[in-house]
């Protein structure tokens, strides 16, 4: 096993030279459980807006805990918890479709950002699908927004409260959660939060408030399941290591999540009995809640069971259960302005993962 710090640091330096980002923190979990952190232009505990990493930390992982404990099922009807859902196919939409992003929502939520929060929800509830649930893989924010609402109605707690109770407090993730500038627990000074973008929509620099525009509007009602959480690499390493350890904190030995979690996040959901049918998405490869085996950002040196997630702001998680190892990246890729696409940050993510996983064997 070899951790080549110089090679990985050089990759960060090269990314800065190419203006992919100028602030980044990269964390690594080695097969022996050791954690290593490299930082560029900012302290290692800098707090970042983790964007769509929110979909897995905490949203979908909370849902998987409820499924493993028997309070929810992948086959639970969404209308059992959201009767306001008036779209076509409403009787057929299951939690499985939310976790696998196999609902045919073809509406970019940024197009709804000018609406009041209630009208955004109304647009999702009344959307008319062109294809039935499960017919297409269609990654986006709406499914995770609905999943977050279900979790709140199931437990009577919002995602901030659930995240703290289930993950953040037990794992001592003391710099993680929504509303870092204003919350009444673990408030983070603004100077310790990386600016995310100089935003034309809000006509100001975004620092410490939700970057995703529709999630920012919906925050007037509740913390959203699709985006809006803030965290730092040391905290996220604790979370990812707990998942790799099948729900147990390897430091304290405390069980945080039910056994069976690792299997759910690292297995193709469409290979599961009862879901993989000829009517399902072609060549779909996604775990429940987490992305699975995606060379686009995971590279090619990890195992087929590798799971992870990306965030628009320049965040990513890549975790290989076969090697017991992971890479977590937080960066200011969208600062001062977002790029036309994610090609450059994806290429860097893949290169970083390849360099790490190849060297550890």
Foldseek 3Di string as FASTA:
>chain_A
DDDDPVVLVVLVVVCVVVVLFQWKKKWKQALVRDIDIDIGPADQFFKEFQFQVLLVLPQLVVVVLCCVVPNFHQAAQLCVQVVLQPEPLSRPDGLVLLQQQQFQDPDALVVVLVDALVVSVVCLSHPYGPDHGQQARDDHASSQQSSQSSVCSSPVHHPQVVSCVQPCVVLVQLQKGAQLCDDPGSRDPQVSYDWAECDPVVNGTRTRWWPPRSQNNNVVPGRGSRTGMMGGDVSVSQVVLCLLVQQARPVVRHRRGDGPSNVQQQAFPLVDPPRVDPSGHPPRGGGRSWRFQDCLQQNDLADRSWTKDHRQQLWIKTAHSVRSMIMTMDGNSQPHHHDPDCNVSSVSNRVSNCVRSVVSD
